[in-house]
Every structure is written in C-alpha cells, then in structure tokens.
Amino acid sequence: MSGPGDEVLSTKVIVARIMEITVDPEVEKLISEAGCDYRVCTACLGPALVPTSVKGPKDTDVQIEVGGHTLYISRYVARYISRVTIDMVYDDDEIDSCPAFPTRYKGSQW
C-alpha cells in the first residue's frame, strides 16, 4: 500500500513483435548486381526500395545481409511488410518527384 509521500514508480513493458521478412530472389539479384547497399523506406507511393546513396540507413533500421551487402528496412515499414519485392524499386522519375528523397527532389513533375 502507498501512503502519503511514497513514490509511485511506473513500469514500462516493451513487447517486441517477431517479424519474418523474406527478400525475393529478384531483389537479391538486383542488390548483388548493383554492388551496393539498399534501403526500404517510406515514400510517396508506398514502401520504396532504393540505394542507400538515395536514402541513407538509420540506426533503427532492420538489417538483412544480401549477397555481401546490407538491405536496410525502416522500422516503420518493417511493421507492415512480410516480403521485399522488386515492385518496391523506385525508378529515377519517381525518386526525383518524391519529397521523401530531398537530395534528389525536383518538385512536382506535373
């Protein structure tokens, strides 16, 4: 029992969701042939698979080794995906027109 002057401590419980994310063979091939790290992050059209030169990794990203390179997945995206698929690849036009990629954003292309 708590009485006057007793300190009430708060308990914080963190529940980790165990996630399984599969990387499709086409994505593995893309990363291996490109010879660089990639990242899945949030972007204008949904999850975007881009080289880390376009959107750098963060300390909080999930990391998956792919053919000697690292595939980083944003912790926010990782909650909602179970697979990394080739249709997540953003082409240059999509990268250039999306403000999620500030180093490449060229404003509205319309």
PDB file of N, CA and C in Angstrom:
ATOM      1  N   MET A   1       0.836  -1.177   0.000  1.00  0.00           N
ATOM      2  CA  MET A   1       0.000   0.000   0.000  1.00  0.00           C
ATOM      3  C   MET A   1       0.880   1.238   0.000  1.00  0.00           C
ATOM      4  N   SER A   2       0.413   2.232  -0.717  1.00  0.00           N
ATOM      5  CA  SER A   2       1.119   3.502  -0.772  1.00  0.00           C
ATOM      6  C   SER A   2       0.518   4.457   0.227  1.00  0.00           C
ATOM      7  N   GLY A   3       1.361   5.194   0.839  1.00  0.00           N
ATOM      8  CA  GLY A   3       0.901   6.209   1.772  1.00  0.00           C
ATOM      9  C   GLY A   3       1.377   7.567   1.325  1.00  0.00           C
ATOM     10  N   PRO A   4       1.005   8.611   2.037  1.00  0.00           N
ATOM     11  CA  PRO A   4       1.457   9.948   1.698  1.00  0.00           C
ATOM     12  C   PRO A   4       2.982   9.996   1.662  1.00  0.00           C
ATOM     13  N   GLY A   5       3.518  10.581   0.607  1.00  0.00           N
ATOM     14  CA  GLY A   5       4.955  10.734   0.479  1.00  0.00           C
ATOM     15  C   GLY A   5       5.643   9.546  -0.182  1.00  0.00           C
ATOM     16  N   ASP A   6       4.915   8.431  -0.371  1.00  0.00           N
ATOM     17  CA  ASP A   6       5.523   7.289  -1.052  1.00  0.00           C
ATOM     18  C   ASP A   6       5.657   7.607  -2.537  1.00  0.00           C
ATOM     19  N   GLU A   7       6.747   7.161  -3.117  1.00  0.00           N
ATOM     20  CA  GLU A   7       6.998   7.395  -4.533  1.00  0.00           C
ATOM     21  C   GLU A   7       6.322   6.290  -5.341  1.00  0.00           C
ATOM     22  N   VAL A   8       5.601   6.661  -6.364  1.00  0.00           N
ATOM     23  CA  VAL A   8       4.952   5.685  -7.235  1.00  0.00           C
ATOM     24  C   VAL A   8       5.805   5.542  -8.479  1.00  0.00           C
ATOM     25  N   LEU A   9       6.255   4.331  -8.738  1.00  0.00           N
ATOM     26  CA  LEU A   9       7.091   4.071  -9.899  1.00  0.00           C
ATOM     27  C   LEU A   9       6.242   3.532 -11.040  1.00  0.00           C
ATOM     28  N   SER A  10       6.567   3.942 -12.228  1.00  0.00           N
ATOM     29  CA  SER A  10       5.871   3.482 -13.413  1.00  0.00           C
ATOM     30  C   SER A  10       6.666   2.340 -14.034  1.00  0.00           C
ATOM     31  N   THR A  11       5.982   1.327 -14.492  1.00  0.00           N
ATOM     32  CA  THR A  11       6.635   0.212 -15.158  1.00  0.00           C
ATOM     33  C   THR A  11       6.281   0.265 -16.631  1.00  0.00           C
ATOM     34  N   LYS A  12       7.304   0.162 -17.436  1.00  0.00           N
ATOM     35  CA  LYS A  12       7.113   0.208 -18.882  1.00  0.00           C
ATOM     36  C   LYS A  12       7.440  -1.176 -19.429  1.00  0.00           C
ATOM     37  N   VAL A  13       6.531  -1.742 -20.164  1.00  0.00           N
ATOM     38  CA  VAL A  13       6.738  -3.049 -20.745  1.00  0.00           C
ATOM     39  C   VAL A  13       6.830  -2.879 -22.257  1.00  0.00           C
ATOM     40  N   ILE A  14       7.884  -3.404 -22.815  1.00  0.00           N
ATOM     41  CA  ILE A  14       8.061  -3.337 -24.259  1.00  0.00           C
ATOM     42  C   ILE A  14       7.854  -4.741 -24.812  1.00  0.00           C
ATOM     43  N   VAL A  15       6.928  -4.864 -25.723  1.00  0.00           N
ATOM     44  CA  VAL A  15       6.648  -6.148 -26.348  1.00  0.00           C
ATOM     45  C   VAL A  15       7.152  -6.079 -27.781  1.00  0.00           C
ATOM     46  N   ALA A  16       8.100  -6.924 -28.097  1.00  0.00           N
ATOM     47  CA  ALA A  16       8.656  -6.943 -29.456  1.00  0.00           C
ATOM     48  C   ALA A  16       7.862  -7.924 -30.305  1.00  0.00           C
ATOM     49  N   ARG A  17       7.490  -7.478 -31.464  1.00  0.00           N
ATOM     50  CA  ARG A  17       6.807  -8.348 -32.416  1.00  0.00           C
ATOM     51  C   ARG A  17       7.884  -9.075 -33.203  1.00  0.00           C
ATOM     52  N   ILE A  18       7.804 -10.374 -33.225  1.00  0.00           N
ATOM     53  CA  ILE A  18       8.767 -11.137 -34.006  1.00  0.00           C
ATOM     54  C   ILE A  18       8.327 -11.065 -35.452  1.00  0.00           C
ATOM     55  N   MET A  19       9.240 -10.578 -36.301  1.00  0.00           N
ATOM     56  CA  MET A  19       8.872 -10.418 -37.695  1.00  0.00           C
ATOM     57  C   MET A  19       9.749 -11.283 -38.574  1.00  0.00           C
ATOM     58  N   GLU A  20       9.141 -11.773 -39.608  1.00  0.00           N
ATOM     59  CA  GLU A  20       9.868 -12.533 -40.600  1.00  0.00           C
ATOM     60  C   GLU A  20       9.671 -11.818 -41.922  1.00  0.00           C
ATOM     61  N   ILE A  21      10.779 -11.375 -42.502  1.00  0.00           N
ATOM     62  CA  ILE A  21      10.717 -10.658 -43.769  1.00  0.00           C
ATOM     63  C   ILE A  21      11.524 -11.437 -44.790  1.00  0.00           C
ATOM     64  N   THR A  22      10.873 -11.797 -45.885  1.00  0.00           N
ATOM     65  CA  THR A  22      11.510 -12.542 -46.965  1.00  0.00           C
ATOM     66  C   THR A  22      11.951 -11.572 -48.047  1.00  0.00           C
ATOM     67  N   VAL A  23      13.138 -11.793 -48.577  1.00  0.00           N
ATOM     68  CA  VAL A  23      13.639 -10.990 -49.684  1.00  0.00           C
ATOM     69  C   VAL A  23      13.518 -11.836 -50.948  1.00  0.00           C
ATOM     70  N   ASP A  24      12.738 -11.350 -51.913  1.00  0.00           N
ATOM     71  CA  ASP A  24      12.535 -12.094 -53.156  1.00  0.00           C
ATOM     72  C   ASP A  24      13.847 -12.249 -53.929  1.00  0.00           C
ATOM     73  N   PRO A  25      13.988 -13.344 -54.667  1.00  0.00           N
ATOM     74  CA  PRO A  25      15.213 -13.586 -55.447  1.00  0.00           C
ATOM     75  C   PRO A  25      15.551 -12.448 -56.416  1.00  0.00           C
ATOM     76  N   GLU A  26      14.547 -11.806 -57.005  1.00  0.00           N
ATOM     77  CA  GLU A  26      14.797 -10.690 -57.927  1.00  0.00           C
ATOM     78  C   GLU A  26      15.467  -9.519 -57.212  1.00  0.00           C
ATOM     79  N   VAL A  27      15.098  -9.310 -55.958  1.00  0.00           N
ATOM     80  CA  VAL A  27      15.706  -8.234 -55.159  1.00  0.00           C
ATOM     81  C   VAL A  27      17.138  -8.620 -54.784  1.00  0.00           C
ATOM     82  N   GLU A  28      17.344  -9.870 -54.423  1.00  0.00           N
ATOM     83  CA  GLU A  28      18.697 -10.342 -54.120  1.00  0.00           C
ATOM     84  C   GLU A  28      19.605 -10.143 -55.335  1.00  0.00           C
ATOM     85  N   LYS A  29      19.094 -10.476 -56.518  1.00  0.00           N
ATOM     86  CA  LYS A  29      19.868 -10.322 -57.755  1.00  0.00           C
ATOM     87  C   LYS A  29      20.179  -8.847 -58.017  1.00  0.00           C
ATOM     88  N   LEU A  30      19.175  -7.979 -57.845  1.00  0.00           N
ATOM     89  CA  LEU A  30      19.359  -6.540 -58.040  1.00  0.00           C
ATOM     90  C   LEU A  30      20.477  -6.004 -57.143  1.00  0.00           C
ATOM     91  N   ILE A  31      20.435  -6.353 -55.864  1.00  0.00           N
ATOM     92  CA  ILE A  31      21.429  -5.862 -54.907  1.00  0.00           C
ATOM     93  C   ILE A  31      22.818  -6.400 -55.248  1.00  0.00           C
ATOM     94  N   SER A  32      22.889  -7.673 -55.571  1.00  0.00           N
ATOM     95  CA  SER A  32      24.187  -8.275 -55.930  1.00  0.00           C
ATOM     96  C   SER A  32      24.772  -7.628 -57.181  1.00  0.00           C
ATOM     97  N   GLU A  33      23.943  -7.445 -58.205  1.00  0.00           N
ATOM     98  CA  GLU A  33      24.431  -6.855 -59.456  1.00  0.00           C
ATOM     99  C   GLU A  33      24.774  -5.379 -59.304  1.00  0.00           C
ATOM    100  N   ALA A  34      24.034  -4.665 -58.450  1.00  0.00           N
ATOM    101  CA  ALA A  34      24.311  -3.239 -58.228  1.00  0.00           C
ATOM    102  C   ALA A  34      25.589  -3.053 -57.413  1.00  0.00           C
ATOM    103  N   GLY A  35      25.897  -4.039 -56.573  1.00  0.00           N
ATOM    104  CA  GLY A  35      27.122  -3.961 -55.786  1.00  0.00           C
ATOM    105  C   GLY A  35      27.102  -2.908 -54.698  1.00  0.00           C
ATOM    106  N   CYS A  36      25.904  -2.621 -54.164  1.00  0.00           N
ATOM    107  CA  CYS A  36      25.811  -1.624 -53.090  1.00  0.00           C
ATOM    108  C   CYS A  36      24.676  -1.984 -52.135  1.00  0.00           C
ATOM    109  N   ASP A  37      24.629  -1.279 -51.016  1.00  0.00           N
ATOM    110  CA  ASP A  37      23.562  -1.477 -50.037  1.00  0.00           C
ATOM    111  C   ASP A  37      22.286  -0.792 -50.517  1.00  0.00           C
ATOM    112  N   TYR A  38      21.154  -1.339 -50.090  1.00  0.00           N
ATOM    113  CA  TYR A  38      19.844  -0.767 -50.415  1.00  0.00           C
ATOM    114  C   TYR A  38      19.061  -0.549 -49.136  1.00  0.00           C
ATOM    115  N   ARG A  39      18.017   0.257 -49.245  1.00  0.00           N
ATOM    116  CA  ARG A  39      17.138   0.533 -48.106  1.00  0.00           C
ATOM    117  C   ARG A  39      15.694   0.529 -48.557  1.00  0.00           C
ATOM    118  N   VAL A  40      14.816  -0.046 -47.729  1.00  0.00           N
ATOM    119  CA  VAL A  40      13.374   0.065 -47.920  1.00  0.00           C
ATOM    120  C   VAL A  40      12.905   1.118 -46.920  1.00  0.00           C
ATOM    121  N   CYS A  41      12.292   2.183 -47.451  1.00  0.00           N
ATOM    122  CA  CYS A  41      11.841   3.283 -46.602  1.00  0.00           C
ATOM    123  C   CYS A  41      10.449   3.726 -47.043  1.00  0.00           C
ATOM    124  N   THR A  42       9.870   4.613 -46.274  1.00  0.00           N
ATOM    125  CA  THR A  42       8.568   5.145 -46.657  1.00  0.00           C
ATOM    126  C   THR A  42       8.760   6.221 -47.719  1.00  0.00           C
ATOM    127  N   ALA A  43       7.847   6.263 -48.665  1.00  0.00           N
ATOM    128  CA  ALA A  43       7.921   7.239 -49.747  1.00  0.00           C
ATOM    129  C   ALA A  43       6.517   7.525 -50.261  1.00  0.00           C
ATOM    130  N   CYS A  44       6.444   8.317 -51.298  1.00  0.00           N
ATOM    131  CA  CYS A  44       5.169   8.815 -51.803  1.00  0.00           C
ATOM    132  C   CYS A  44       4.205   7.720 -52.275  1.00  0.00           C
ATOM    133  N   LEU A  45       4.732   6.671 -52.889  1.00  0.00           N
ATOM    134  CA  LEU A  45       3.881   5.626 -53.453  1.00  0.00           C
ATOM    135  C   LEU A  45       3.877   4.356 -52.614  1.00  0.00           C
ATOM    136  N   GLY A  46       4.323   4.441 -51.374  1.00  0.00           N
ATOM    137  CA  GLY A  46       4.402   3.266 -50.514  1.00  0.00           C
ATOM    138  C   GLY A  46       5.850   2.928 -50.225  1.00  0.00           C
ATOM    139  N   PRO A  47       6.113   1.706 -49.777  1.00  0.00           N
ATOM    140  CA  PRO A  47       7.499   1.323 -49.486  1.00  0.00           C
ATOM    141  C   PRO A  47       8.374   1.459 -50.729  1.00  0.00           C
ATOM    142  N   ALA A  48       9.548   2.044 -50.551  1.00  0.00           N
ATOM    143  CA  ALA A  48      10.453   2.275 -51.677  1.00  0.00           C
ATOM    144  C   ALA A  48      11.766   1.547 -51.430  1.00  0.00           C
ATOM    145  N   LEU A  49      12.210   0.822 -52.447  1.00  0.00           N
ATOM    146  CA  LEU A  49      13.497   0.142 -52.406  1.00  0.00           C
ATOM    147  C   LEU A  49      14.466   0.956 -53.237  1.00  0.00           C
ATOM    148  N   VAL A  50      15.424   1.597 -52.556  1.00  0.00           N
ATOM    149  CA  VAL A  50      16.368   2.496 -53.225  1.00  0.00           C
ATOM    150  C   VAL A  50      17.785   2.254 -52.694  1.00  0.00           C
ATOM    151  N   PRO A  51      18.800   2.610 -53.487  1.00  0.00           N
ATOM    152  CA  PRO A  51      20.171   2.517 -52.973  1.00  0.00           C
ATOM    153  C   PRO A  51      20.350   3.447 -51.771  1.00  0.00           C
ATOM    154  N   THR A  52      21.261   3.089 -50.879  1.00  0.00           N
ATOM    155  CA  THR A  52      21.497   3.944 -49.710  1.00  0.00           C
ATOM    156  C   THR A  52      22.107   5.282 -50.096  1.00  0.00           C
ATOM    157  N   SER A  53      22.581   5.401 -51.324  1.00  0.00           N
ATOM    158  CA  SER A  53      23.071   6.708 -51.789  1.00  0.00           C
ATOM    159  C   SER A  53      21.907   7.676 -52.006  1.00  0.00           C
ATOM    160  N   VAL A  54      20.698   7.146 -52.189  1.00  0.00           N
ATOM    161  CA  VAL A  54      19.495   7.968 -52.345  1.00  0.00           C
ATOM    162  C   VAL A  54      18.890   8.282 -50.983  1.00  0.00           C
ATOM    163  N   LYS A  55      18.796   7.283 -50.133  1.00  0.00           N
ATOM    164  CA  LYS A  55      18.244   7.451 -48.780  1.00  0.00           C
ATOM    165  C   LYS A  55      19.070   6.595 -47.833  1.00  0.00           C
ATOM    166  N   GLY A  56      19.889   7.245 -47.036  1.00  0.00           N
ATOM    167  CA  GLY A  56      20.822   6.543 -46.166  1.00  0.00           C
ATOM    168  C   GLY A  56      20.150   5.762 -45.051  1.00  0.00           C
ATOM    169  N   PRO A  57      20.851   4.767 -44.514  1.00  0.00           N
ATOM    170  CA  PRO A  57      20.302   3.952 -43.430  1.00  0.00           C
ATOM    171  C   PRO A  57      20.254   4.719 -42.114  1.00  0.00           C
ATOM    172  N   LYS A  58      19.413   4.216 -41.217  1.00  0.00           N
ATOM    173  CA  LYS A  58      19.318   4.770 -39.862  1.00  0.00           C
ATOM    174  C   LYS A  58      19.679   3.681 -38.863  1.00  0.00           C
ATOM    175  N   ASP A  59      20.102   4.092 -37.699  1.00  0.00           N
ATOM    176  CA  ASP A  59      20.483   3.144 -36.646  1.00  0.00           C
ATOM    177  C   ASP A  59      19.341   2.209 -36.262  1.00  0.00           C
ATOM    178  N   THR A  60      18.106   2.664 -36.441  1.00  0.00           N
ATOM    179  CA  THR A  60      16.942   1.885 -36.030  1.00  0.00           C
ATOM    180  C   THR A  60      16.447   0.916 -37.101  1.00  0.00           C
ATOM    181  N   ASP A  61      17.085   0.898 -38.270  1.00  0.00           N
ATOM    182  CA  ASP A  61      16.651   0.017 -39.355  1.00  0.00           C
ATOM    183  C   ASP A  61      16.915  -1.452 -39.027  1.00  0.00           C
ATOM    184  N   VAL A  62      16.040  -2.300 -39.549  1.00  0.00           N
ATOM    185  CA  VAL A  62      16.274  -3.737 -39.547  1.00  0.00           C
ATOM    186  C   VAL A  62      17.321  -3.990 -40.629  1.00  0.00           C
ATOM    187  N   GLN A  63      18.277  -4.867 -40.372  1.00  0.00           N
ATOM    188  CA  GLN A  63      19.334  -5.135 -41.341  1.00  0.00           C
ATOM    189  C   GLN A  63      19.307  -6.594 -41.766  1.00  0.00           C
ATOM    190  N   ILE A  64      19.367  -6.807 -43.090  1.00  0.00           N
ATOM    191  CA  ILE A  64      19.403  -8.153 -43.649  1.00  0.00           C
ATOM    192  C   ILE A  64      20.596  -8.225 -44.595  1.00  0.00           C
ATOM    193  N   GLU A  65      21.442  -9.220 -44.398  1.00  0.00           N
ATOM    194  CA  GLU A  65      22.584  -9.419 -45.293  1.00  0.00           C
ATOM    195  C   GLU A  65      22.100 -10.060 -46.591  1.00  0.00           C
ATOM    196  N   VAL A  66      22.497  -9.470 -47.708  1.00  0.00           N
ATOM    197  CA  VAL A  66      22.113  -9.975 -49.029  1.00  0.00           C
ATOM    198  C   VAL A  66      23.344  -9.964 -49.919  1.00  0.00           C
ATOM    199  N   GLY A  67      23.881 -11.127 -50.202  1.00  0.00           N
ATOM    200  CA  GLY A  67      25.000 -11.245 -51.129  1.00  0.00           C
ATOM    201  C   GLY A  67      26.179 -10.341 -50.826  1.00  0.00           C
ATOM    202  N   GLY A  68      26.574 -10.259 -49.584  1.00  0.00           N
ATOM    203  CA  GLY A  68      27.712  -9.427 -49.216  1.00  0.00           C
ATOM    204  C   GLY A  68      27.384  -7.960 -49.023  1.00  0.00           C
ATOM    205  N   HIS A  69      26.131  -7.601 -49.167  1.00  0.00           N
ATOM    206  CA  HIS A  69      25.679  -6.221 -48.961  1.00  0.00           C
ATOM    207  C   HIS A  69      24.575  -6.226 -47.911  1.00  0.00           C
ATOM    208  N   THR A  70      24.181  -5.048 -47.493  1.00  0.00           N
ATOM    209  CA  THR A  70      23.140  -4.944 -46.467  1.00  0.00           C
ATOM    210  C   THR A  70      21.885  -4.323 -47.048  1.00  0.00           C
ATOM    211  N   LEU A  71      20.761  -4.961 -46.752  1.00  0.00           N
ATOM    212  CA  LEU A  71      19.453  -4.396 -47.062  1.00  0.00           C
ATOM    213  C   LEU A  71      18.913  -3.844 -45.753  1.00  0.00           C
ATOM    214  N   TYR A  72      18.735  -2.535 -45.701  1.00  0.00           N
ATOM    215  CA  TYR A  72      18.183  -1.869 -44.524  1.00  0.00           C
ATOM    216  C   TYR A  72      16.682  -1.696 -44.737  1.00  0.00           C
ATOM    217  N   ILE A  73      15.927  -1.936 -43.688  1.00  0.00           N
ATOM    218  CA  ILE A  73      14.474  -1.757 -43.768  1.00  0.00           C
ATOM    219  C   ILE A  73      14.058  -0.848 -42.628  1.00  0.00           C
ATOM    220  N   SER A  74      13.424   0.257 -42.970  1.00  0.00           N
ATOM    221  CA  SER A  74      12.940   1.201 -41.968  1.00  0.00           C
ATOM    222  C   SER A  74      12.094   0.462 -40.933  1.00  0.00           C
ATOM    223  N   ARG A  75      12.286   0.788 -39.678  1.00  0.00           N
ATOM    224  CA  ARG A  75      11.498   0.115 -38.638  1.00  0.00           C
ATOM    225  C   ARG A  75      10.009   0.367 -38.823  1.00  0.00           C
ATOM    226  N   TYR A  76       9.658   1.486 -39.428  1.00  0.00           N
ATOM    227  CA  TYR A  76       8.242   1.787 -39.658  1.00  0.00           C
ATOM    228  C   TYR A  76       7.669   0.907 -40.761  1.00  0.00           C
ATOM    229  N   VAL A  77       8.430   0.690 -41.807  1.00  0.00           N
ATOM    230  CA  VAL A  77       7.990  -0.175 -42.898  1.00  0.00           C
ATOM    231  C   VAL A  77       7.990  -1.634 -42.450  1.00  0.00           C
ATOM    232  N   ALA A  78       8.996  -2.028 -41.667  1.00  0.00           N
ATOM    233  CA  ALA A  78       9.142  -3.426 -41.244  1.00  0.00           C
ATOM    234  C   ALA A  78       7.918  -3.941 -40.502  1.00  0.00           C
ATOM    235  N   ARG A  79       7.200  -3.059 -39.857  1.00  0.00           N
ATOM    236  CA  ARG A  79       5.992  -3.465 -39.125  1.00  0.00           C
ATOM    237  C   ARG A  79       4.897  -3.989 -40.049  1.00  0.00           C
ATOM    238  N   TYR A  80       4.913  -3.532 -41.292  1.00  0.00           N
ATOM    239  CA  TYR A  80       3.784  -3.784 -42.185  1.00  0.00           C
ATOM    240  C   TYR A  80       4.080  -4.687 -43.375  1.00  0.00           C
ATOM    241  N   ILE A  81       5.340  -5.091 -43.561  1.00  0.00           N
ATOM    242  CA  ILE A  81       5.642  -5.929 -44.715  1.00  0.00           C
ATOM    243  C   ILE A  81       6.143  -7.303 -44.259  1.00  0.00           C
ATOM    244  N   SER A  82       5.940  -8.285 -45.106  1.00  0.00           N
ATOM    245  CA  SER A  82       6.477  -9.614 -44.843  1.00  0.00           C
ATOM    246  C   SER A  82       7.445 -10.027 -45.949  1.00  0.00           C
ATOM    247  N   ARG A  83       7.459  -9.242 -47.038  1.00  0.00           N
ATOM    248  CA  ARG A  83       8.348  -9.525 -48.170  1.00  0.00           C
ATOM    249  C   ARG A  83       8.891  -8.230 -48.746  1.00  0.00           C
ATOM    250  N   VAL A  84      10.118  -8.305 -49.269  1.00  0.00           N
ATOM    251  CA  VAL A  84      10.686  -7.203 -50.048  1.00  0.00           C
ATOM    252  C   VAL A  84      10.635  -7.680 -51.494  1.00  0.00           C
ATOM    253  N   THR A  85       9.870  -6.960 -52.312  1.00  0.00           N
ATOM    254  CA  THR A  85       9.626  -7.384 -53.691  1.00  0.00           C
ATOM    255  C   THR A  85      10.185  -6.372 -54.683  1.00  0.00           C
ATOM    256  N   ILE A  86      10.407  -6.830 -55.893  1.00  0.00           N
ATOM    257  CA  ILE A  86      11.003  -5.992 -56.929  1.00  0.00           C
ATOM    258  C   ILE A  86      10.106  -4.808 -57.299  1.00  0.00           C
ATOM    259  N   ASP A  87       8.803  -4.918 -57.070  1.00  0.00           N
ATOM    260  CA  ASP A  87       7.919  -3.792 -57.397  1.00  0.00           C
ATOM    261  C   ASP A  87       8.071  -2.623 -56.422  1.00  0.00           C
ATOM    262  N   MET A  88       8.882  -2.787 -55.381  1.00  0.00           N
ATOM    263  CA  MET A  88       9.174  -1.683 -54.457  1.00  0.00           C
ATOM    264  C   MET A  88      10.272  -0.768 -54.987  1.00  0.00           C
ATOM    265  N   VAL A  89      10.948  -1.183 -56.058  1.00  0.00           N
ATOM    266  CA  VAL A  89      12.028  -0.376 -56.632  1.00  0.00           C
ATOM    267  C   VAL A  89      11.436   0.912 -57.206  1.00  0.00           C
ATOM    268  N   TYR A  90      12.027   2.028 -56.834  1.00  0.00           N
ATOM    269  CA  TYR A  90      11.638   3.327 -57.391  1.00  0.00           C
ATOM    270  C   TYR A  90      12.580   3.638 -58.540  1.00  0.00           C
ATOM    271  N   ASP A  91      12.015   4.092 -59.681  1.00  0.00           N
ATOM    272  CA  ASP A  91      12.878   4.498 -60.788  1.00  0.00           C
ATOM    273  C   ASP A  91      13.284   5.961 -60.593  1.00  0.00           C
ATOM    274  N   ASP A  92      14.151   6.452 -61.452  1.00  0.00           N
ATOM    275  CA  ASP A  92      14.672   7.817 -61.295  1.00  0.00           C
ATOM    276  C   ASP A  92      13.575   8.872 -61.287  1.00  0.00           C
ATOM    277  N   ASP A  93      12.559   8.735 -62.134  1.00  0.00           N
ATOM    278  CA  ASP A  93      11.473   9.722 -62.167  1.00  0.00           C
ATOM    279  C   ASP A  93      10.702   9.744 -60.850  1.00  0.00           C
ATOM    280  N   GLU A  94      10.444   8.570 -60.282  1.00  0.00           N
ATOM    281  CA  GLU A  94       9.721   8.508 -59.011  1.00  0.00           C
ATOM    282  C   GLU A  94      10.566   9.104 -57.880  1.00  0.00           C
ATOM    283  N   ILE A  95      11.858   8.824 -57.895  1.00  0.00           N
ATOM    284  CA  ILE A  95      12.750   9.380 -56.876  1.00  0.00           C
ATOM    285  C   ILE A  95      12.804  10.902 -56.995  1.00  0.00           C
ATOM    286  N   ASP A  96      12.959  11.396 -58.225  1.00  0.00           N
ATOM    287  CA  ASP A  96      13.095  12.839 -58.441  1.00  0.00           C
ATOM    288  C   ASP A  96      11.829  13.620 -58.121  1.00  0.00           C
ATOM    289  N   SER A  97      10.673  12.961 -58.142  1.00  0.00           N
ATOM    290  CA  SER A  97       9.418  13.674 -57.907  1.00  0.00           C
ATOM    291  C   SER A  97       8.864  13.474 -56.498  1.00  0.00           C
ATOM    292  N   CYS A  98       9.601  12.778 -55.638  1.00  0.00           N
ATOM    293  CA  CYS A  98       9.102  12.494 -54.291  1.00  0.00           C
ATOM    294  C   CYS A  98       9.912  13.256 -53.241  1.00  0.00           C
ATOM    295  N   PRO A  99       9.254  14.077 -52.425  1.00  0.00           N
ATOM    296  CA  PRO A  99       9.969  14.845 -51.402  1.00  0.00           C
ATOM    297  C   PRO A  99      10.578  13.979 -50.292  1.00  0.00           C
ATOM    298  N   ALA A 100      10.275  12.694 -50.268  1.00  0.00           N
ATOM    299  CA  ALA A 100      10.901  11.802 -49.285  1.00  0.00           C
ATOM    300  C   ALA A 100      12.391  11.620 -49.571  1.00  0.00           C
ATOM    301  N   PHE A 101      12.825  12.019 -50.774  1.00  0.00           N
ATOM    302  CA  PHE A 101      14.226  11.922 -51.166  1.00  0.00           C
ATOM    303  C   PHE A 101      14.759  13.327 -51.429  1.00  0.00           C
ATOM    304  N   PRO A 102      15.012  14.102 -50.375  1.00  0.00           N
ATOM    305  CA  PRO A 102      15.334  15.529 -50.525  1.00  0.00           C
ATOM    306  C   PRO A 102      16.575  15.837 -51.356  1.00  0.00           C
ATOM    307  N   THR A 103      17.544  14.905 -51.392  1.00  0.00           N
ATOM    308  CA  THR A 103      18.744  15.183 -52.189  1.00  0.00           C
ATOM    309  C   THR A 103      18.480  15.071 -53.677  1.00  0.00           C
ATOM    310  N   ARG A 104      17.348  14.496 -54.050  1.00  0.00           N
ATOM    311  CA  ARG A 104      17.034  14.301 -55.463  1.00  0.00           C
ATOM    312  C   ARG A 104      15.730  14.997 -55.888  1.00  0.00           C
ATOM    313  N   TYR A 105      14.940  15.462 -54.904  1.00  0.00           N
ATOM    314  CA  TYR A 105      13.614  16.014 -55.195  1.00  0.00           C
ATOM    315  C   TYR A 105      13.711  17.256 -56.083  1.00  0.00           C
ATOM    316  N   LYS A 106      12.967  17.232 -57.177  1.00  0.00           N
ATOM    317  CA  LYS A 106      12.970  18.355 -58.131  1.00  0.00           C
ATOM    318  C   LYS A 106      11.615  19.051 -58.206  1.00  0.00           C
ATOM    319  N   GLY A 107      10.771  18.805 -57.231  1.00  0.00           N
ATOM    320  CA  GLY A 107       9.442  19.412 -57.234  1.00  0.00           C
ATOM    321  C   GLY A 107       8.483  18.638 -58.095  1.00  0.00           C
ATOM    322  N   SER A 108       7.300  19.152 -58.191  1.00  0.00           N
ATOM    323  CA  SER A 108       6.247  18.488 -58.949  1.00  0.00           C
ATOM    324  C   SER A 108       6.656  18.335 -60.417  1.00  0.00           C
ATOM    325  N   GLN A 109       6.421  17.156 -60.941  1.00  0.00           N
ATOM    326  CA  GLN A 109       6.742  16.871 -62.343  1.00  0.00           C
ATOM    327  C   GLN A 109       5.521  17.034 -63.249  1.00  0.00           C
ATOM    328  N   TRP A 110       4.454  17.674 -62.755  1.00  0.00           N
ATOM    329  CA  TRP A 110       3.185  17.759 -63.473  1.00  0.00           C
ATOM    330  C   TRP A 110       3.095  19.014 -64.249  1.00  0.00           C
TER     331      TRP A 110
END
